[in-house]
Amino acid sequence: MNPEIQASDFQVEKLGEPHIPSPMQDECFIDDDDRVLYTTSSRDLQYFFEQGKTPFSFEKAGPRSKIYFDPSKLRCGIVSCGGLCPGINDVVRAIVLSLHHSYGVHTVWGFRYGFEGLAPAYKHEPLELTPKVISDIHQKGGSILSTSRGPQKVEEMVDTLEMMNIGVLFTIGGDGTLRAAEAIVDEINRRGLKVAVVGIPKTIDNDIAYTDLSFGFMSAVSEASRVIYAAHSEATGARNGIGLIKLMGRHSGFIAANAVLANNDVNFCLIPEVPFSLPVFLDVLRERIKQRGHAVILVAEGAGQDLMENTGGTDASGNVRLGDIGTFLRDRIIEYFKKKHIDLVLKYIDPSYTIRSIPSSTYDSAICLLLGHNAVHAAMSGRTCMVVGYWKNYYTHIPIPLAVSHRKQISPDSRLWHDVLVCMGQPENLLKK
């Protein structure tokens, strides 16, 4: 349990007390006192009980019996930011249909190209999102709204919301998007406006804190497992064959680790959280080729950055530009085996953009639907500066400051990483033999 968090960190901001009866009929409404425990560990719970404290908990997501906004007067906006990810269209569709059919909100604007759509200088015309417009978008990859990276002037974005009389802004994105949403909330509060900002977690890396699952992640794992089949076929189809795959994962190796569990033809998995020595790795790889005649290697894009020269640059979102660990490893492996006078057939695969642009899997489609619906329920009840999460099999409300307090990563001591190592037979420590 994180010793730095406090009970107050789980408190969700509200625009005011809701007093309008919900138009939803025959619903199992969620009471505000219905909570989801942050920890279910018996040891952690015992600590709280011994201290006479109430265990930390999240608000449970879902429809409330009273809502804050008058649906007949409400205008909403949706923006999607960052890179493409399976399921964006599913979330947009779920939000629009829930607003329209559950609450009777008929004016929903989609702001194009991320936060650029809220910046007047770009002159992106917003797209009116009606049930007809979004009827079949869930069958397509990409985003009907398109996306972009990079900051915009917060004051100008709030000017746009105010000018268009937007009462709720739904932001679909990851860590950077949530930080921008928090800044927008600060400006809204400074002006004394009654505008709710609710986030839906979009990060294919699954690295947003305090949520077990973000949409697009399971689609990525499923597609990555297909790539592993191809790499394994290539590796076993050649003498001394190696299949090398680079997957997404700037700071967190969840896709790579879960892909190993989904397809245990992988022999080595390299992730950002676990450093490795290149000489040790190459020696272990040579031993694997000597004994078995083939190998499949998965590497997350953020792994091994300490082995390469610093690029010294940042992208439009302010992220440090990573060195290409995939091509780096490919070249070092070929060079190493050539010096050892060992014939080698290496096939390098980078499916990142293929994976990002596919339609969501059926599992992710269900996740997207419920994330979208619960985002609407939260917004209609007047909640703001929050993101919908998924924790211990429940949908929850996470205050944005808590969600961006740190990045979720795999602990080298975790059960997940231990299972991955056992599945592959990879040495626990590639820093030494």
Protein backbone atom coordinates (compact mmCIF):
# COMPACT_ATOMS: atom_id res chain seq x y z
CA MET A 1 0.00 0.00 0.00
CA ASN A 2 1.28 3.47 -0.90
CA PRO A 3 2.05 5.20 2.44
CA GLU A 4 1.85 8.67 0.86
CA ILE A 5 -1.86 8.63 -0.02
CA GLN A 6 -4.55 9.95 2.30
CA ALA A 7 -8.30 9.38 2.52
CA SER A 8 -8.87 12.90 1.17
CA ASP A 9 -7.05 11.96 -2.05
CA PHE A 10 -10.04 9.77 -2.98
CA GLN A 11 -12.57 12.62 -2.65
CA VAL A 12 -14.16 13.51 -6.01
CA GLU A 13 -14.90 17.17 -6.76
CA LYS A 14 -18.52 18.20 -7.39
CA LEU A 15 -20.04 21.26 -9.03
CA GLY A 16 -22.84 21.27 -6.47
CA GLU A 17 -25.54 19.13 -5.00
CA PRO A 18 -27.72 17.34 -7.56
CA HIS A 19 -31.44 17.96 -7.11
CA ILE A 20 -33.05 16.93 -10.43
CA PRO A 21 -34.68 13.48 -10.48
CA SER A 22 -32.92 11.22 -12.97
CA PRO A 23 -34.91 10.53 -16.13
CA MET A 24 -33.59 6.97 -16.11
CA GLN A 25 -36.30 4.48 -15.22
CA ASP A 26 -36.11 1.16 -13.37
CA GLU A 27 -32.42 1.64 -12.67
CA CYS A 28 -30.35 0.19 -9.86
CA PHE A 29 -29.10 3.57 -8.72
CA ILE A 30 -25.79 3.82 -6.89
CA ASP A 31 -25.77 5.45 -3.50
CA ASP A 32 -22.93 7.92 -2.88
CA ASP A 33 -21.95 5.95 0.22
CA ASP A 34 -21.40 2.80 -1.84
CA ARG A 35 -17.61 2.48 -2.09
CA VAL A 36 -14.98 0.16 -3.53
CA LEU A 37 -12.09 -0.70 -1.21
CA TYR A 38 -8.67 0.43 -2.40
CA THR A 39 -7.05 -2.63 -0.84
CA THR A 40 -8.50 -6.04 -0.09
CA SER A 41 -5.29 -7.29 1.53
CA SER A 42 -6.07 -8.74 4.95
CA ARG A 43 -2.80 -7.33 6.30
CA ASP A 44 -3.59 -3.80 5.09
CA LEU A 45 -7.16 -3.96 6.39
CA GLN A 46 -5.90 -5.17 9.75
CA TYR A 47 -3.67 -2.08 9.92
CA PHE A 48 -6.65 0.23 9.41
CA PHE A 49 -8.72 -1.57 12.00
CA GLU A 50 -5.91 -1.47 14.56
CA GLN A 51 -5.49 2.26 13.96
CA GLY A 52 -9.22 2.87 14.23
CA LYS A 53 -9.30 4.30 10.69
CA THR A 54 -11.65 3.76 7.78
CA PRO A 55 -9.91 1.94 4.91
CA PHE A 56 -9.30 3.99 1.76
CA SER A 57 -11.96 3.55 -0.90
CA PHE A 58 -13.14 4.83 -4.28
CA GLU A 59 -16.60 6.05 -5.14
CA LYS A 60 -18.45 3.35 -7.04
CA ALA A 61 -19.41 4.46 -10.55
CA GLY A 62 -22.95 4.24 -11.89
CA PRO A 63 -26.19 6.19 -12.29
CA ARG A 64 -27.43 8.35 -9.42
CA SER A 65 -31.09 8.95 -8.56
CA LYS A 66 -30.54 12.73 -8.66
CA ILE A 67 -28.64 14.60 -11.37
CA TYR A 68 -27.08 18.05 -11.43
CA PHE A 69 -27.63 19.17 -15.04
CA ASP A 70 -30.95 19.83 -16.75
CA PRO A 71 -30.70 17.54 -19.81
CA SER A 72 -32.92 19.80 -21.93
CA LYS A 73 -30.43 22.63 -21.61
CA LEU A 74 -27.14 20.72 -21.54
CA ARG A 75 -24.54 20.83 -24.33
CA CYS A 76 -21.59 18.43 -24.17
CA GLY A 77 -18.21 18.10 -25.86
CA ILE A 78 -15.88 15.17 -26.48
CA VAL A 79 -12.17 15.31 -27.25
CA SER A 80 -9.69 12.46 -27.87
CA CYS A 81 -5.96 13.11 -27.51
CA GLY A 82 -2.61 11.36 -27.86
CA GLY A 83 -1.90 8.38 -30.08
CA LEU A 84 -4.47 6.10 -31.64
CA CYS A 85 -5.73 3.20 -29.60
CA PRO A 86 -8.30 0.45 -30.25
CA GLY A 87 -11.67 1.46 -28.84
CA ILE A 88 -11.74 5.26 -29.16
CA ASN A 89 -14.74 5.11 -31.48
CA ASP A 90 -16.48 2.68 -29.14
CA VAL A 91 -16.12 5.14 -26.26
CA VAL A 92 -17.34 8.11 -28.34
CA ARG A 93 -20.35 6.09 -29.45
CA ALA A 94 -21.13 4.94 -25.90
CA ILE A 95 -21.03 8.51 -24.58
CA VAL A 96 -23.29 9.88 -27.31
CA LEU A 97 -25.85 7.09 -27.07
CA SER A 98 -25.96 7.22 -23.27
CA LEU A 99 -26.44 11.00 -23.27
CA HIS A 100 -29.14 10.74 -25.93
CA HIS A 101 -31.14 7.71 -24.82
CA SER A 102 -30.58 7.63 -21.05
CA TYR A 103 -30.74 11.34 -20.29
CA GLY A 104 -32.26 13.09 -23.29
CA VAL A 105 -29.20 15.23 -24.05
CA HIS A 106 -29.28 15.93 -27.79
CA THR A 107 -26.42 18.38 -28.37
CA VAL A 108 -22.98 16.75 -28.36
CA TRP A 109 -19.99 18.25 -30.14
CA GLY A 110 -16.87 16.35 -31.08
CA PHE A 111 -13.76 18.52 -31.08
CA ARG A 112 -11.38 17.44 -33.85
CA TYR A 113 -7.67 16.71 -33.56
CA GLY A 114 -7.43 16.62 -29.79
CA PHE A 115 -7.15 19.83 -27.83
CA GLU A 116 -6.39 21.63 -31.09
CA GLY A 117 -10.14 21.47 -31.63
CA LEU A 118 -10.62 23.83 -28.68
CA ALA A 119 -7.95 26.27 -29.88
CA PRO A 120 -9.36 28.93 -32.27
CA ALA A 121 -6.05 29.32 -34.15
CA TYR A 122 -6.41 25.88 -35.79
CA LYS A 123 -9.93 26.60 -37.09
CA HIS A 124 -11.05 22.98 -36.74
CA GLU A 125 -14.82 22.91 -37.11
CA PRO A 126 -16.43 20.77 -34.40
CA LEU A 127 -18.44 17.77 -35.50
CA GLU A 128 -21.99 17.40 -34.21
CA LEU A 129 -22.29 13.87 -32.90
CA THR A 130 -25.76 12.41 -33.33
CA PRO A 131 -26.86 8.78 -33.01
CA LYS A 132 -26.94 8.59 -36.81
CA VAL A 133 -23.41 9.95 -37.21
CA ILE A 134 -21.90 7.48 -34.74
CA SER A 135 -24.11 4.49 -35.53
CA ASP A 136 -21.37 2.24 -36.96
CA ILE A 137 -18.10 3.86 -35.90
CA HIS A 138 -17.40 1.09 -33.36
CA GLN A 139 -16.71 -1.22 -36.30
CA LYS A 140 -13.75 0.90 -37.40
CA GLY A 141 -10.30 1.54 -36.01
CA GLY A 142 -8.81 4.95 -35.41
CA SER A 143 -10.89 7.88 -34.19
CA ILE A 144 -13.80 9.65 -35.84
CA LEU A 145 -12.51 12.81 -34.16
CA SER A 146 -8.83 12.24 -35.02
CA THR A 147 -6.22 13.03 -32.40
CA SER A 148 -3.15 15.18 -31.82
CA ARG A 149 -0.41 15.71 -29.29
CA GLY A 150 0.85 18.86 -27.71
CA PRO A 151 -0.35 21.53 -25.29
CA GLN A 152 -2.72 24.36 -26.12
CA LYS A 153 -3.41 27.55 -24.17
CA VAL A 154 -5.76 26.63 -21.36
CA GLU A 155 -7.41 30.05 -21.33
CA GLU A 156 -8.30 29.76 -25.01
CA MET A 157 -9.72 26.27 -24.59
CA VAL A 158 -11.96 27.42 -21.73
CA ASP A 159 -12.97 30.45 -23.84
CA THR A 160 -14.24 27.99 -26.45
CA LEU A 161 -16.17 25.97 -23.89
CA GLU A 162 -17.72 29.14 -22.52
CA MET A 163 -18.55 30.54 -25.95
CA MET A 164 -20.23 27.30 -27.04
CA ASN A 165 -22.03 26.97 -23.70
CA ILE A 166 -20.54 23.53 -23.07
CA GLY A 167 -21.60 22.13 -19.70
CA VAL A 168 -19.64 18.86 -19.81
CA LEU A 169 -16.34 18.05 -21.50
CA PHE A 170 -15.37 14.40 -21.86
CA THR A 171 -11.63 13.91 -22.37
CA ILE A 172 -10.41 10.61 -23.80
CA GLY A 173 -6.69 10.17 -23.21
CA GLY A 174 -3.81 9.14 -21.02
CA ASP A 175 -1.54 10.83 -18.50
CA GLY A 176 -0.89 13.97 -20.57
CA THR A 177 -4.56 14.39 -21.43
CA LEU A 178 -5.56 14.06 -17.79
CA ARG A 179 -3.01 16.67 -16.73
CA ALA A 180 -4.41 19.04 -19.37
CA ALA A 181 -7.94 18.26 -18.15
CA GLU A 182 -6.86 19.16 -14.61
CA ALA A 183 -5.49 22.49 -15.86
CA ILE A 184 -8.79 23.15 -17.67
CA VAL A 185 -10.68 22.46 -14.44
CA ASP A 186 -8.45 24.92 -12.57
CA GLU A 187 -9.24 27.64 -15.13
CA ILE A 188 -12.96 26.78 -15.04
CA ASN A 189 -12.92 27.10 -11.26
CA ARG A 190 -10.99 30.37 -11.44
CA ARG A 191 -13.76 31.81 -13.62
CA GLY A 192 -16.52 30.43 -11.43
CA LEU A 193 -18.06 28.41 -14.27
CA LYS A 194 -20.23 25.32 -13.81
CA VAL A 195 -18.57 23.01 -16.33
CA ALA A 196 -17.80 19.36 -15.55
CA VAL A 197 -14.68 17.68 -16.95
CA VAL A 198 -14.69 13.87 -16.89
CA GLY A 199 -11.93 11.65 -18.27
CA ILE A 200 -11.96 8.20 -19.84
CA PRO A 201 -8.59 6.41 -19.52
CA LYS A 202 -7.02 5.82 -22.94
CA THR A 203 -3.54 4.40 -22.79
CA ILE A 204 -2.64 1.31 -24.71
CA ASP A 205 0.25 0.78 -22.25
CA ASN A 206 -2.23 0.38 -19.33
CA ASP A 207 -0.06 2.64 -17.17
CA ILE A 208 -2.59 5.00 -15.53
CA ALA A 209 -2.40 4.73 -11.75
CA TYR A 210 -5.28 3.45 -9.61
CA THR A 211 -7.07 1.69 -12.43
CA ASP A 212 -6.55 -1.97 -13.21
CA LEU A 213 -7.47 -1.65 -16.85
CA SER A 214 -7.60 1.01 -19.56
CA PHE A 215 -9.33 0.38 -22.86
CA GLY A 216 -7.28 -0.75 -25.84
CA PHE A 217 -4.85 -2.71 -23.70
CA MET A 218 -6.50 -6.11 -24.09
CA SER A 219 -6.86 -5.56 -27.84
CA ALA A 220 -3.13 -4.84 -27.99
CA VAL A 221 -2.28 -8.00 -26.04
CA SER A 222 -4.52 -10.09 -28.29
CA GLU A 223 -2.98 -8.68 -31.47
CA ALA A 224 0.54 -9.02 -30.07
CA SER A 225 -0.08 -12.72 -29.44
CA ARG A 226 -0.78 -13.16 -33.16
CA VAL A 227 2.52 -11.47 -33.96
CA ILE A 228 4.25 -13.87 -31.59
CA TYR A 229 2.83 -16.82 -33.55
CA ALA A 230 4.36 -15.36 -36.70
CA ALA A 231 7.72 -14.69 -35.05
CA HIS A 232 7.82 -18.19 -33.59
CA SER A 233 7.04 -19.73 -36.99
CA GLU A 234 9.84 -17.72 -38.58
CA ALA A 235 12.28 -18.64 -35.81
CA THR A 236 11.56 -22.36 -35.87
CA GLY A 237 11.51 -22.40 -39.67
CA ALA A 238 15.18 -21.50 -39.94
CA ARG A 239 18.44 -22.85 -38.56
CA ASN A 240 19.46 -20.65 -35.62
CA GLY A 241 16.34 -18.56 -36.16
CA ILE A 242 15.45 -15.58 -33.99
CA GLY A 243 12.16 -13.69 -33.99
CA LEU A 244 12.56 -10.22 -32.46
CA ILE A 245 9.41 -8.19 -31.75
CA LYS A 246 9.20 -4.63 -30.47
CA LEU A 247 5.96 -3.71 -28.71
CA MET A 248 4.54 -0.55 -27.16
CA GLY A 249 5.46 0.35 -23.59
CA ARG A 250 7.39 3.57 -23.00
CA HIS A 251 7.60 3.26 -19.22
CA SER A 252 5.58 0.14 -18.44
CA GLY A 253 5.87 -3.36 -19.86
CA PHE A 254 2.31 -4.57 -19.32
CA ILE A 255 1.62 -5.36 -22.98
CA ALA A 256 4.80 -7.39 -23.38
CA ALA A 257 4.36 -9.22 -20.07
CA ASN A 258 0.73 -10.15 -20.70
CA ALA A 259 1.50 -11.14 -24.31
CA VAL A 260 4.00 -13.65 -22.94
CA LEU A 261 1.30 -15.17 -20.74
CA ALA A 262 -1.13 -15.24 -23.67
CA ASN A 263 1.39 -17.00 -25.92
CA ASN A 264 4.21 -18.81 -24.16
CA ASP A 265 6.31 -19.28 -27.27
CA VAL A 266 8.36 -16.29 -26.04
CA ASN A 267 11.80 -17.00 -24.58
CA PHE A 268 12.93 -13.51 -23.55
CA CYS A 269 10.91 -10.47 -22.45
CA LEU A 270 12.66 -7.14 -21.89
CA ILE A 271 10.69 -4.33 -20.21
CA PRO A 272 11.50 -0.80 -18.98
CA GLU A 273 11.09 -1.69 -15.31
CA VAL A 274 13.80 -4.38 -15.32
CA PRO A 275 17.30 -3.33 -16.49
CA PHE A 276 19.52 -5.79 -18.30
CA SER A 277 23.15 -6.09 -19.33
CA LEU A 278 23.64 -6.37 -23.08
CA PRO A 279 26.68 -8.68 -22.82
CA VAL A 280 24.88 -10.96 -20.35
CA PHE A 281 21.74 -11.04 -22.48
CA LEU A 282 23.71 -11.88 -25.62
CA ASP A 283 25.59 -14.68 -23.88
CA VAL A 284 22.33 -16.16 -22.53
CA LEU A 285 20.76 -15.85 -25.98
CA ARG A 286 23.70 -17.67 -27.55
CA GLU A 287 23.29 -20.51 -25.04
CA ARG A 288 19.59 -20.70 -25.88
CA ILE A 289 20.37 -20.92 -29.63
CA LYS A 290 23.03 -23.55 -28.95
CA GLN A 291 20.61 -25.74 -26.99
CA ARG A 292 17.31 -25.20 -28.80
CA GLY A 293 18.21 -23.75 -32.21
CA HIS A 294 15.74 -20.87 -32.10
CA ALA A 295 14.48 -18.02 -29.88
CA VAL A 296 11.65 -15.48 -29.71
CA ILE A 297 12.36 -12.13 -28.05
CA LEU A 298 9.82 -9.50 -26.98
CA VAL A 299 11.09 -6.04 -26.12
CA ALA A 300 9.00 -3.08 -24.95
CA GLU A 301 9.94 0.21 -26.60
CA GLY A 302 11.14 1.78 -23.34
CA ALA A 303 13.46 -1.08 -22.38
CA GLY A 304 17.24 -0.72 -22.42
CA GLN A 305 17.31 3.04 -22.90
CA ASP A 306 20.44 3.23 -20.74
CA LEU A 307 22.28 1.16 -23.36
CA MET A 308 21.86 3.76 -26.12
CA GLU A 309 22.81 7.37 -26.64
CA ASN A 310 20.32 9.91 -25.32
CA THR A 311 18.30 11.36 -28.20
CA GLY A 312 18.13 14.71 -26.39
CA GLY A 313 14.72 15.57 -27.85
CA THR A 314 11.06 15.53 -26.89
CA ASP A 315 7.87 14.96 -28.84
CA ALA A 316 4.90 17.32 -29.10
CA SER A 317 3.56 16.03 -25.77
CA GLY A 318 6.84 16.74 -23.99
CA ASN A 319 7.81 13.07 -23.75
CA VAL A 320 11.49 12.27 -24.10
CA ARG A 321 12.16 10.76 -27.53
CA LEU A 322 13.26 7.21 -26.99
CA GLY A 323 16.09 5.44 -28.72
CA ASP A 324 14.93 2.61 -30.96
CA ILE A 325 15.65 -0.43 -28.81
CA GLY A 326 14.29 -2.74 -31.49
CA THR A 327 16.77 -1.87 -34.23
CA PHE A 328 19.51 -1.46 -31.62
CA LEU A 329 19.02 -5.04 -30.39
CA ARG A 330 18.68 -6.36 -33.93
CA ASP A 331 22.02 -4.87 -34.94
CA ARG A 332 23.81 -5.89 -31.75
CA ILE A 333 22.55 -9.48 -31.98
CA ILE A 334 23.63 -9.84 -35.61
CA GLU A 335 27.01 -8.29 -34.83
CA TYR A 336 27.55 -10.53 -31.79
CA PHE A 337 26.76 -13.80 -33.59
CA LYS A 338 28.88 -12.78 -36.57
CA LYS A 339 31.87 -12.27 -34.28
CA LYS A 340 31.22 -15.69 -32.77
CA HIS A 341 31.11 -17.17 -36.30
CA ILE A 342 27.60 -18.50 -35.73
CA ASP A 343 25.18 -18.40 -38.65
CA LEU A 344 21.96 -16.63 -37.74
CA VAL A 345 18.58 -15.86 -39.34
CA LEU A 346 16.91 -12.94 -37.54
CA LYS A 347 13.46 -11.58 -38.41
CA TYR A 348 12.58 -8.22 -36.84
CA ILE A 349 8.92 -7.21 -36.46
CA ASP A 350 7.56 -3.85 -35.26
CA PRO A 351 3.75 -4.04 -35.31
CA SER A 352 3.14 -0.98 -33.11
CA TYR A 353 1.12 1.18 -35.51
CA THR A 354 -0.74 -1.81 -36.89
CA ILE A 355 -1.88 -2.68 -33.37
CA ARG A 356 -2.82 0.90 -32.50
CA SER A 357 -5.12 1.31 -35.48
CA ILE A 358 -7.19 -1.90 -35.31
CA PRO A 359 -10.82 -2.01 -34.15
CA SER A 360 -11.21 -3.06 -30.54
CA SER A 361 -11.61 -6.67 -29.50
CA THR A 362 -14.97 -7.84 -28.19
CA TYR A 363 -13.66 -7.72 -24.62
CA ASP A 364 -12.43 -4.16 -25.06
CA SER A 365 -15.69 -3.15 -26.75
CA ALA A 366 -17.56 -4.11 -23.59
CA ILE A 367 -15.05 -2.19 -21.46
CA CYS A 368 -15.43 0.87 -23.71
CA LEU A 369 -19.20 0.77 -23.51
CA LEU A 370 -19.22 0.69 -19.72
CA LEU A 371 -16.48 3.31 -19.36
CA GLY A 372 -18.48 5.63 -21.62
CA HIS A 373 -21.76 5.01 -19.81
CA ASN A 374 -20.19 5.53 -16.38
CA ALA A 375 -18.47 8.72 -17.55
CA VAL A 376 -21.89 10.06 -18.55
CA HIS A 377 -23.47 9.04 -15.22
CA ALA A 378 -20.66 10.79 -13.33
CA ALA A 379 -20.91 13.98 -15.39
CA MET A 380 -24.69 14.17 -15.15
CA SER A 381 -24.43 13.94 -11.35
CA GLY A 382 -22.18 17.01 -11.35
CA ARG A 383 -18.86 15.32 -10.71
CA THR A 384 -15.75 16.86 -12.24
CA CYS A 385 -11.94 16.63 -12.34
CA MET A 386 -12.20 12.85 -12.31
CA VAL A 387 -11.58 9.85 -14.53
CA VAL A 388 -13.57 6.63 -14.66
CA GLY A 389 -11.50 3.71 -13.41
CA TYR A 390 -11.78 -0.05 -13.06
CA TRP A 391 -10.70 -1.50 -9.71
CA LYS A 392 -11.26 -4.95 -8.19
CA ASN A 393 -13.91 -5.72 -10.85
CA TYR A 394 -15.86 -2.50 -10.22
CA TYR A 395 -16.04 0.75 -12.16
CA THR A 396 -14.97 3.65 -10.00
CA HIS A 397 -14.42 7.42 -9.84
CA ILE A 398 -10.77 8.49 -9.55
CA PRO A 399 -9.88 12.12 -8.84
CA ILE A 400 -7.54 13.25 -11.63
CA PRO A 401 -4.80 14.43 -9.19
CA LEU A 402 -4.68 10.89 -7.81
CA ALA A 403 -4.67 9.29 -11.27
CA VAL A 404 -1.67 11.38 -12.41
CA SER A 405 0.23 11.17 -9.11
CA HIS A 406 2.47 8.47 -10.55
CA ARG A 407 2.73 6.07 -13.46
CA LYS A 408 1.67 2.46 -12.96
CA GLN A 409 4.51 0.01 -13.61
CA ILE A 410 5.37 -3.65 -13.15
CA SER A 411 7.26 -4.35 -9.96
CA PRO A 412 10.17 -6.76 -10.54
CA ASP A 413 9.05 -8.44 -7.29
CA SER A 414 5.43 -8.83 -8.38
CA ARG A 415 3.53 -12.04 -8.96
CA LEU A 416 2.96 -10.94 -12.57
CA TRP A 417 6.65 -10.65 -13.41
CA HIS A 418 7.46 -13.86 -11.57
CA ASP A 419 4.84 -15.70 -13.62
CA VAL A 420 6.27 -14.24 -16.83
CA LEU A 421 9.77 -15.42 -15.95
CA VAL A 422 8.57 -18.91 -15.06
CA CYS A 423 6.57 -19.10 -18.28
CA MET A 424 9.68 -18.32 -20.37
CA GLY A 425 12.45 -19.84 -18.31
CA GLN A 426 14.26 -16.50 -18.56
CA PRO A 427 16.91 -15.88 -15.87
CA GLU A 428 15.56 -13.64 -13.12
CA ASN A 429 18.50 -11.26 -13.38
CA LEU A 430 20.08 -10.46 -16.74
CA LEU A 431 22.50 -8.06 -15.09
CA LYS A 432 24.65 -11.02 -14.08
CA LYS A 433 24.96 -14.70 -14.96
